[in-house]
Amino acid sequence: MHPSRPRLLIATGNPGKVREFRRMLEGAPFDLVTPADIGLSLEVDETGDTYAANATLKAVAYANASGLLSLADDSGIEVDALDGRPGVRSARYGSPGLDDAGRTALLVRELEGVALARRTARYVAVIAIADPNEDAVHLFRGVQEGRIGFEPCGTNGFGYDPVFLVDDSTTQAQLSETAKDEISHRGQALRAAREFLRERYAC
């Protein structure tokens, strides 16, 4: 931590996202802190019907509660054969008790009998940055195209990564962190957000 630098609140409790944010925001002119770091406990209802709406809800709520510049994201996976589901409900797909593995298994079951060529899908991420001293919210979007595999493979990443095929034989969960950051939806959005932060807030 640098006492002279301002803080940027990473508005999530998801440890996988926190790791990605810390990697991808390296070089931004801030000390990155999480809600736990500053003793903030906040639940934000994701009532929006778009990624941008949900990311904005979270960023604004955390900025207002903390008084800090806050960065939040909303992301999901859209499967064409399922008419775009799970979409904005990706993190809450299926019954309330499901974890990442359970939601991934549900997605695979719903695609039973669907050929690989028709299992096209995409990851979408929207990053929102809210300043407690401003009304404007700045948004950054990333999209990654792929397909849904027939079974989970790989132990890296999180969420639906074990079944998200980046080519015909490799899942997102089989990539190294560096390789994933280069191509992922969140990597794209975070790079754009990092450049904005450097240009807007650099000393």
C-alpha atoms as a PDB file:
ATOM      1  CA  MET A   1       0.000   0.000   0.000  1.00  0.00           C
ATOM      2  CA  HIS A   2       1.181   3.522  -0.809  1.00  0.00           C
ATOM      3  CA  PRO A   3      -0.067   6.153   1.682  1.00  0.00           C
ATOM      4  CA  SER A   4       0.044   8.891  -0.955  1.00  0.00           C
ATOM      5  CA  ARG A   5      -2.045   7.007  -3.505  1.00  0.00           C
ATOM      6  CA  PRO A   6      -5.860   7.021  -3.628  1.00  0.00           C
ATOM      7  CA  ARG A   7      -7.762   3.789  -3.132  1.00  0.00           C
ATOM      8  CA  LEU A   8      -9.936   1.969  -5.656  1.00  0.00           C
ATOM      9  CA  LEU A   9     -12.578  -0.330  -4.208  1.00  0.00           C
ATOM     10  CA  ILE A  10     -13.042  -3.629  -6.060  1.00  0.00           C
ATOM     11  CA  ALA A  11     -16.745  -4.058  -5.394  1.00  0.00           C
ATOM     12  CA  THR A  12     -17.033  -7.840  -5.177  1.00  0.00           C
ATOM     13  CA  GLY A  13     -16.634 -10.644  -2.688  1.00  0.00           C
ATOM     14  CA  ASN A  14     -15.951 -13.223  -5.409  1.00  0.00           C
ATOM     15  CA  PRO A  15     -12.345 -14.384  -4.825  1.00  0.00           C
ATOM     16  CA  GLY A  16     -11.884 -15.447  -8.459  1.00  0.00           C
ATOM     17  CA  LYS A  17     -12.878 -12.013  -9.697  1.00  0.00           C
ATOM     18  CA  VAL A  18     -10.698 -10.303  -7.091  1.00  0.00           C
ATOM     19  CA  ARG A  19      -7.656 -12.221  -8.350  1.00  0.00           C
ATOM     20  CA  GLU A  20      -8.403 -11.275 -11.953  1.00  0.00           C
ATOM     21  CA  PHE A  21      -9.009  -7.629 -11.071  1.00  0.00           C
ATOM     22  CA  ARG A  22      -5.724  -7.406  -9.161  1.00  0.00           C
ATOM     23  CA  ARG A  23      -3.784  -8.955 -12.056  1.00  0.00           C
ATOM     24  CA  MET A  24      -5.403  -6.903 -14.769  1.00  0.00           C
ATOM     25  CA  LEU A  25      -5.414  -3.559 -12.936  1.00  0.00           C
ATOM     26  CA  GLU A  26      -1.731  -3.680 -12.117  1.00  0.00           C
ATOM     27  CA  GLY A  27      -0.275  -0.358 -13.141  1.00  0.00           C
ATOM     28  CA  ALA A  28      -3.420   1.648 -12.414  1.00  0.00           C
ATOM     29  CA  PRO A  29      -2.660   4.671 -10.183  1.00  0.00           C
ATOM     30  CA  PHE A  30      -4.470   3.264  -7.137  1.00  0.00           C
ATOM     31  CA  ASP A  31      -4.130   0.985  -4.159  1.00  0.00           C
ATOM     32  CA  LEU A  32      -6.727  -1.728  -4.752  1.00  0.00           C
ATOM     33  CA  VAL A  33      -8.886  -2.657  -1.767  1.00  0.00           C
ATOM     34  CA  THR A  34     -11.783  -5.071  -1.311  1.00  0.00           C
ATOM     35  CA  PRO A  35     -14.893  -4.589   0.852  1.00  0.00           C
ATOM     36  CA  ALA A  36     -13.335  -6.927   3.437  1.00  0.00           C
ATOM     37  CA  ASP A  37     -10.175  -4.805   3.526  1.00  0.00           C
ATOM     38  CA  ILE A  38     -12.156  -1.767   4.654  1.00  0.00           C
ATOM     39  CA  GLY A  39     -14.681  -3.608   6.843  1.00  0.00           C
ATOM     40  CA  LEU A  40     -17.599  -3.018   4.472  1.00  0.00           C
ATOM     41  CA  SER A  41     -20.402  -5.567   4.308  1.00  0.00           C
ATOM     42  CA  LEU A  42     -22.920  -4.747   1.609  1.00  0.00           C
ATOM     43  CA  GLU A  43     -25.418  -6.792  -0.372  1.00  0.00           C
ATOM     44  CA  VAL A  44     -26.719  -5.271  -3.594  1.00  0.00           C
ATOM     45  CA  ASP A  45     -29.794  -6.766  -5.251  1.00  0.00           C
ATOM     46  CA  GLU A  46     -29.005  -7.307  -8.932  1.00  0.00           C
ATOM     47  CA  THR A  47     -32.427  -6.294 -10.204  1.00  0.00           C
ATOM     48  CA  GLY A  48     -31.275  -4.979 -13.581  1.00  0.00           C
ATOM     49  CA  ASP A  49     -32.102  -6.784 -16.800  1.00  0.00           C
ATOM     50  CA  THR A  50     -28.759  -6.017 -18.444  1.00  0.00           C
ATOM     51  CA  TYR A  51     -25.119  -6.475 -17.425  1.00  0.00           C
ATOM     52  CA  ALA A  52     -24.618  -2.710 -17.557  1.00  0.00           C
ATOM     53  CA  ALA A  53     -27.552  -2.070 -15.237  1.00  0.00           C
ATOM     54  CA  ASN A  54     -26.364  -4.574 -12.639  1.00  0.00           C
ATOM     55  CA  ALA A  55     -22.740  -3.418 -12.782  1.00  0.00           C
ATOM     56  CA  THR A  56     -23.919   0.170 -12.341  1.00  0.00           C
ATOM     57  CA  LEU A  57     -26.125  -0.732  -9.368  1.00  0.00           C
ATOM     58  CA  LYS A  58     -23.176  -2.354  -7.598  1.00  0.00           C
ATOM     59  CA  ALA A  59     -20.589   0.303  -8.418  1.00  0.00           C
ATOM     60  CA  VAL A  60     -22.834   3.169  -7.286  1.00  0.00           C
ATOM     61  CA  ALA A  61     -23.920   1.399  -4.092  1.00  0.00           C
ATOM     62  CA  TYR A  62     -20.343   0.626  -3.082  1.00  0.00           C
ATOM     63  CA  ALA A  63     -19.108   4.115  -3.985  1.00  0.00           C
ATOM     64  CA  ASN A  64     -21.835   5.728  -1.889  1.00  0.00           C
ATOM     65  CA  ALA A  65     -21.297   3.371   1.057  1.00  0.00           C
ATOM     66  CA  SER A  66     -17.509   3.651   1.087  1.00  0.00           C
ATOM     67  CA  GLY A  67     -16.829   7.141  -0.232  1.00  0.00           C
ATOM     68  CA  LEU A  68     -14.268   5.536  -2.565  1.00  0.00           C
ATOM     69  CA  LEU A  69     -13.973   5.288  -6.308  1.00  0.00           C
ATOM     70  CA  SER A  70     -15.509   1.876  -6.931  1.00  0.00           C
ATOM     71  CA  LEU A  71     -15.269  -0.684  -9.717  1.00  0.00           C
ATOM     72  CA  ALA A  72     -17.870  -3.411 -10.175  1.00  0.00           C
ATOM     73  CA  ASP A  73     -18.692  -5.856 -12.911  1.00  0.00           C
ATOM     74  CA  ASP A  74     -21.551  -7.958 -14.089  1.00  0.00           C
ATOM     75  CA  SER A  75     -20.934 -10.826 -16.440  1.00  0.00           C
ATOM     76  CA  GLY A  76     -22.547 -13.934 -17.791  1.00  0.00           C
ATOM     77  CA  ILE A  77     -22.603 -16.595 -20.428  1.00  0.00           C
ATOM     78  CA  GLU A  78     -25.099 -16.598 -23.309  1.00  0.00           C
ATOM     79  CA  VAL A  79     -25.834 -19.890 -25.062  1.00  0.00           C
ATOM     80  CA  ASP A  80     -27.457 -19.605 -28.477  1.00  0.00           C
ATOM     81  CA  ALA A  81     -29.195 -23.006 -28.321  1.00  0.00           C
ATOM     82  CA  LEU A  82     -30.817 -21.892 -25.046  1.00  0.00           C
ATOM     83  CA  ASP A  83     -32.057 -18.606 -26.512  1.00  0.00           C
ATOM     84  CA  GLY A  84     -29.335 -16.670 -24.716  1.00  0.00           C
ATOM     85  CA  ARG A  85     -29.717 -18.240 -21.292  1.00  0.00           C
ATOM     86  CA  PRO A  86     -28.389 -18.045 -18.607  1.00  0.00           C
ATOM     87  CA  GLY A  87     -27.373 -14.463 -19.492  1.00  0.00           C
ATOM     88  CA  VAL A  88     -27.646 -11.962 -16.644  1.00  0.00           C
ATOM     89  CA  ARG A  89     -28.779 -14.791 -14.357  1.00  0.00           C
ATOM     90  CA  SER A  90     -25.593 -16.823 -14.899  1.00  0.00           C
ATOM     91  CA  ALA A  91     -24.425 -16.531 -11.280  1.00  0.00           C
ATOM     92  CA  ARG A  92     -27.905 -17.449 -10.013  1.00  0.00           C
ATOM     93  CA  TYR A  93     -28.849 -20.077 -12.595  1.00  0.00           C
ATOM     94  CA  GLY A  94     -30.921 -23.038 -11.472  1.00  0.00           C
ATOM     95  CA  SER A  95     -31.955 -23.667  -7.876  1.00  0.00           C
ATOM     96  CA  PRO A  96     -30.621 -21.359  -5.135  1.00  0.00           C
ATOM     97  CA  GLY A  97     -28.397 -24.042  -3.608  1.00  0.00           C
ATOM     98  CA  LEU A  98     -26.265 -24.649  -6.693  1.00  0.00           C
ATOM     99  CA  ASP A  99     -22.556 -23.786  -6.676  1.00  0.00           C
ATOM    100  CA  ASP A 100     -20.387 -23.166  -9.756  1.00  0.00           C
ATOM    101  CA  ALA A 101     -20.056 -26.901 -10.451  1.00  0.00           C
ATOM    102  CA  GLY A 102     -23.804 -27.437 -10.066  1.00  0.00           C
ATOM    103  CA  ARG A 103     -24.699 -24.604 -12.428  1.00  0.00           C
ATOM    104  CA  THR A 104     -22.158 -25.861 -14.961  1.00  0.00           C
ATOM    105  CA  ALA A 105     -23.606 -29.379 -14.762  1.00  0.00           C
ATOM    106  CA  LEU A 106     -27.114 -27.986 -15.256  1.00  0.00           C
ATOM    107  CA  LEU A 107     -26.006 -26.110 -18.361  1.00  0.00           C
ATOM    108  CA  VAL A 108     -24.449 -29.250 -19.840  1.00  0.00           C
ATOM    109  CA  ARG A 109     -27.604 -31.282 -19.116  1.00  0.00           C
ATOM    110  CA  GLU A 110     -29.764 -28.698 -20.865  1.00  0.00           C
ATOM    111  CA  LEU A 111     -27.628 -29.082 -23.981  1.00  0.00           C
ATOM    112  CA  GLU A 112     -27.820 -32.876 -24.068  1.00  0.00           C
ATOM    113  CA  GLY A 113     -28.142 -34.069 -27.658  1.00  0.00           C
ATOM    114  CA  VAL A 114     -27.062 -30.734 -29.154  1.00  0.00           C
ATOM    115  CA  ALA A 115     -24.192 -31.078 -31.635  1.00  0.00           C
ATOM    116  CA  LEU A 116     -20.957 -29.142 -31.069  1.00  0.00           C
ATOM    117  CA  ALA A 117     -21.596 -26.907 -34.070  1.00  0.00           C
ATOM    118  CA  ARG A 118     -24.811 -25.679 -32.438  1.00  0.00           C
ATOM    119  CA  ARG A 119     -23.316 -25.151 -28.965  1.00  0.00           C
ATOM    120  CA  THR A 120     -22.113 -21.629 -29.750  1.00  0.00           C
ATOM    121  CA  ALA A 121     -21.920 -19.275 -26.790  1.00  0.00           C
ATOM    122  CA  ARG A 122     -20.261 -16.137 -25.540  1.00  0.00           C
ATOM    123  CA  TYR A 123     -19.059 -14.663 -22.307  1.00  0.00           C
ATOM    124  CA  VAL A 124     -20.012 -11.008 -21.771  1.00  0.00           C
ATOM    125  CA  ALA A 125     -18.628  -8.673 -19.102  1.00  0.00           C
ATOM    126  CA  VAL A 126     -19.410  -5.059 -18.304  1.00  0.00           C
ATOM    127  CA  ILE A 127     -17.219  -3.082 -15.893  1.00  0.00           C
ATOM    128  CA  ALA A 128     -18.715  -0.039 -14.169  1.00  0.00           C
ATOM    129  CA  ILE A 129     -16.645   2.637 -12.422  1.00  0.00           C
ATOM    130  CA  ALA A 130     -18.453   5.038 -10.081  1.00  0.00           C
ATOM    131  CA  ASP A 131     -16.976   8.059  -8.317  1.00  0.00           C
ATOM    132  CA  PRO A 132     -18.860   9.112  -5.161  1.00  0.00           C
ATOM    133  CA  ASN A 133     -18.234  12.743  -6.134  1.00  0.00           C
ATOM    134  CA  GLU A 134     -19.751  12.444  -9.620  1.00  0.00           C
ATOM    135  CA  ASP A 135     -23.077  11.465 -11.114  1.00  0.00           C
ATOM    136  CA  ALA A 136     -21.601   9.802 -14.207  1.00  0.00           C
ATOM    137  CA  VAL A 137     -20.823   6.075 -14.310  1.00  0.00           C
ATOM    138  CA  HIS A 138     -18.225   4.863 -16.811  1.00  0.00           C
ATOM    139  CA  LEU A 139     -18.848   1.520 -18.543  1.00  0.00           C
ATOM    140  CA  PHE A 140     -16.499  -0.865 -20.357  1.00  0.00           C
ATOM    141  CA  ARG A 141     -17.605  -4.020 -22.194  1.00  0.00           C
ATOM    142  CA  GLY A 142     -15.868  -7.200 -23.332  1.00  0.00           C
ATOM    143  CA  VAL A 143     -17.174 -10.186 -25.319  1.00  0.00           C
ATOM    144  CA  GLN A 144     -15.536 -13.583 -25.850  1.00  0.00           C
ATOM    145  CA  GLU A 145     -16.959 -16.069 -28.354  1.00  0.00           C
ATOM    146  CA  GLY A 146     -16.738 -19.843 -27.862  1.00  0.00           C
ATOM    147  CA  ARG A 147     -18.745 -23.046 -27.506  1.00  0.00           C
ATOM    148  CA  ILE A 148     -20.040 -25.182 -24.659  1.00  0.00           C
ATOM    149  CA  GLY A 149     -18.225 -28.501 -24.224  1.00  0.00           C
ATOM    150  CA  PHE A 150     -19.797 -31.852 -23.400  1.00  0.00           C
ATOM    151  CA  GLU A 151     -18.132 -32.240 -20.000  1.00  0.00           C
ATOM    152  CA  PRO A 152     -16.038 -30.135 -17.619  1.00  0.00           C
ATOM    153  CA  CYS A 153     -12.300 -30.101 -18.241  1.00  0.00           C
ATOM    154  CA  GLY A 154      -9.566 -28.125 -16.489  1.00  0.00           C
ATOM    155  CA  THR A 155      -9.057 -26.769 -12.994  1.00  0.00           C
ATOM    156  CA  ASN A 156      -8.159 -23.119 -13.570  1.00  0.00           C
ATOM    157  CA  GLY A 157     -10.618 -20.252 -13.683  1.00  0.00           C
ATOM    158  CA  PHE A 158     -14.080 -20.326 -12.146  1.00  0.00           C
ATOM    159  CA  GLY A 159     -17.756 -20.189 -13.074  1.00  0.00           C
ATOM    160  CA  TYR A 160     -18.482 -21.879 -16.405  1.00  0.00           C
ATOM    161  CA  ASP A 161     -14.813 -21.928 -17.486  1.00  0.00           C
ATOM    162  CA  PRO A 162     -14.525 -25.765 -17.336  1.00  0.00           C
ATOM    163  CA  VAL A 163     -17.088 -26.135 -20.160  1.00  0.00           C
ATOM    164  CA  PHE A 164     -16.379 -22.971 -22.158  1.00  0.00           C
ATOM    165  CA  LEU A 165     -14.390 -24.054 -25.206  1.00  0.00           C
ATOM    166  CA  VAL A 166     -12.033 -21.425 -26.592  1.00  0.00           C
ATOM    167  CA  ASP A 167     -11.297 -23.755 -29.513  1.00  0.00           C
ATOM    168  CA  ASP A 168     -12.527 -27.258 -30.413  1.00  0.00           C
ATOM    169  CA  SER A 169     -10.421 -28.955 -27.738  1.00  0.00           C
ATOM    170  CA  THR A 170      -9.430 -26.439 -25.041  1.00  0.00           C
ATOM    171  CA  THR A 171     -11.587 -24.995 -22.293  1.00  0.00           C
ATOM    172  CA  GLN A 172     -11.073 -21.693 -20.542  1.00  0.00           C
ATOM    173  CA  ALA A 173     -10.248 -23.660 -17.378  1.00  0.00           C
ATOM    174  CA  GLN A 174      -7.269 -25.280 -19.135  1.00  0.00           C
ATOM    175  CA  LEU A 175      -5.613 -21.944 -19.883  1.00  0.00           C
ATOM    176  CA  SER A 176      -2.967 -20.284 -17.757  1.00  0.00           C
ATOM    177  CA  GLU A 177      -3.962 -17.060 -16.017  1.00  0.00           C
ATOM    178  CA  THR A 178      -1.908 -15.055 -18.512  1.00  0.00           C
ATOM    179  CA  ALA A 179      -3.460 -16.762 -21.533  1.00  0.00           C
ATOM    180  CA  LYS A 180      -6.962 -16.324 -20.137  1.00  0.00           C
ATOM    181  CA  ASP A 181      -6.412 -12.632 -19.393  1.00  0.00           C
ATOM    182  CA  GLU A 182      -5.339 -12.054 -23.001  1.00  0.00           C
ATOM    183  CA  ILE A 183      -8.584 -13.305 -24.536  1.00  0.00           C
ATOM    184  CA  SER A 184     -11.300 -13.304 -21.876  1.00  0.00           C
ATOM    185  CA  HIS A 185     -14.335 -11.048 -21.786  1.00  0.00           C
ATOM    186  CA  ARG A 186     -13.307  -9.664 -18.400  1.00  0.00           C
ATOM    187  CA  GLY A 187      -9.742  -9.160 -19.576  1.00  0.00           C
ATOM    188  CA  GLN A 188     -10.967  -7.042 -22.485  1.00  0.00           C
ATOM    189  CA  ALA A 189     -13.191  -4.905 -20.266  1.00  0.00           C
ATOM    190  CA  LEU A 190     -10.543  -4.516 -17.559  1.00  0.00           C
ATOM    191  CA  ARG A 191      -7.864  -3.397 -20.015  1.00  0.00           C
ATOM    192  CA  ALA A 192     -10.179  -0.657 -21.232  1.00  0.00           C
ATOM    193  CA  ALA A 193     -11.014   0.295 -17.635  1.00  0.00           C
ATOM    194  CA  ARG A 194      -7.324   0.376 -16.698  1.00  0.00           C
ATOM    195  CA  GLU A 195      -6.529   2.767 -19.549  1.00  0.00           C
ATOM    196  CA  PHE A 196      -9.402   5.014 -18.485  1.00  0.00           C
ATOM    197  CA  LEU A 197      -8.128   5.062 -14.890  1.00  0.00           C
ATOM    198  CA  ARG A 198      -4.596   5.872 -16.018  1.00  0.00           C
ATOM    199  CA  GLU A 199      -5.731   8.733 -18.222  1.00  0.00           C
ATOM    200  CA  ARG A 200      -8.363  10.151 -15.876  1.00  0.00           C
ATOM    201  CA  TYR A 201      -6.689   9.802 -12.492  1.00  0.00           C
ATOM    202  CA  ALA A 202      -2.935   9.693 -13.109  1.00  0.00           C
ATOM    203  CA  CYS A 203      -1.032  12.269 -11.107  1.00  0.00           C
END
